[in-house]
Protein backbone atom coordinates (compact mmCIF):
# COMPACT_ATOMS: atom_id res chain seq x y z
CA MET A 1 82.49 20.19 375.56
CA SER A 2 84.80 21.75 372.72
CA ALA A 3 82.49 22.98 370.06
CA GLU A 4 84.39 22.34 365.77
CA LYS A 5 86.31 25.07 365.42
CA GLN A 6 85.06 26.10 361.59
CA PRO A 7 87.75 27.21 359.17
CA SER A 8 88.05 30.37 358.24
CA ASP A 9 87.48 31.36 354.51
CA ILE A 10 91.86 32.13 353.96
CA GLU A 11 92.01 28.41 355.18
CA LYS A 12 89.27 27.31 352.65
CA PHE A 13 91.14 29.48 350.14
CA ASP A 14 94.43 28.15 351.00
CA ALA A 15 93.17 24.05 351.09
CA TRP A 16 91.31 24.87 347.64
CA MET A 17 94.87 26.01 346.34
CA ASP A 18 96.63 23.51 347.49
CA GLU A 19 94.28 20.67 345.32
CA ILE A 20 95.12 23.01 342.75
CA ALA A 21 98.13 22.84 343.09
CA SER A 22 98.43 18.95 343.80
CA ALA A 23 96.63 18.71 340.15
CA LEU A 24 98.56 20.66 338.46
CA ALA A 25 101.71 19.02 339.52
CA TRP A 26 100.68 15.80 339.29
CA HIS A 27 100.57 16.72 335.67
CA GLY A 28 104.01 18.55 335.53
CA GLY A 29 102.63 21.72 335.55
CA ASP A 30 100.46 21.14 332.47
CA ALA A 31 96.83 23.03 332.68
CA GLU A 32 95.55 21.49 329.79
CA ALA A 33 96.51 17.68 330.94
CA THR A 34 95.24 18.76 334.20
CA ILE A 35 91.56 20.06 332.73
CA ARG A 36 91.37 17.28 330.60
CA THR A 37 92.01 14.12 332.89
CA LEU A 38 89.49 16.62 335.63
CA LEU A 39 86.40 16.32 333.06
CA ALA A 40 87.24 12.65 331.49
CA ASP A 41 87.05 11.43 335.92
CA CYS A 42 83.35 13.62 335.72
CA LYS A 43 81.84 12.29 332.96
CA PRO A 44 81.15 8.04 334.49
CA LEU A 45 79.43 10.46 338.16
CA ARG A 46 77.72 12.28 335.21
CA GLU A 47 76.74 9.25 333.47
CA GLN A 48 75.77 7.65 337.17
CA LEU A 49 73.74 10.66 338.24
CA ALA A 50 72.11 10.29 334.86
CA LEU A 51 71.23 6.81 335.71
CA ALA A 52 69.70 7.26 339.13
CA GLN A 53 67.78 10.34 337.69
CA ILE A 54 66.17 8.36 335.88
CA ALA A 55 65.81 5.59 338.42
CA MET A 56 65.15 7.46 342.03
CA SER A 57 60.71 8.30 342.37
CA VAL A 58 59.24 11.25 343.35
CA GLY A 59 58.45 9.72 346.52
CA PHE A 60 62.09 8.48 347.29
CA THR A 61 63.35 11.52 347.60
CA ARG A 62 60.53 13.64 348.94
CA GLY A 63 59.94 16.13 345.64
CA TRP A 64 64.24 16.37 345.07
CA SER A 65 65.75 15.12 342.49
CA PRO A 66 69.58 15.05 341.62
CA CYS A 67 70.85 17.33 338.23
CA ARG A 68 73.53 18.43 336.10
CA GLU A 69 74.39 21.78 337.30
CA ARG A 70 75.92 22.64 340.24
CA HIS A 71 73.65 23.84 343.20
CA ASP A 72 74.96 27.42 343.25
CA GLU A 73 73.88 27.46 339.53
CA VAL A 74 70.80 26.48 340.12
CA THR A 75 69.60 28.63 342.69
CA SER A 76 71.30 31.99 341.22
């Protein structure tokens, strides 16, 4: 059995840059329009997260609860 190869930091960065380039290309290189679209895409997700946070009991999630902040922002 062969172990799956983990992507290197360079490969992860390249994939991240490809996503950025694709988003910018979709908007013809307009960074402001790209940011506006991404923020608009996040709005319903944040609303769903808020509803889930209200509806979920602590016992159901074993003490974990969703939060609006990114994980790396919460832990640092």
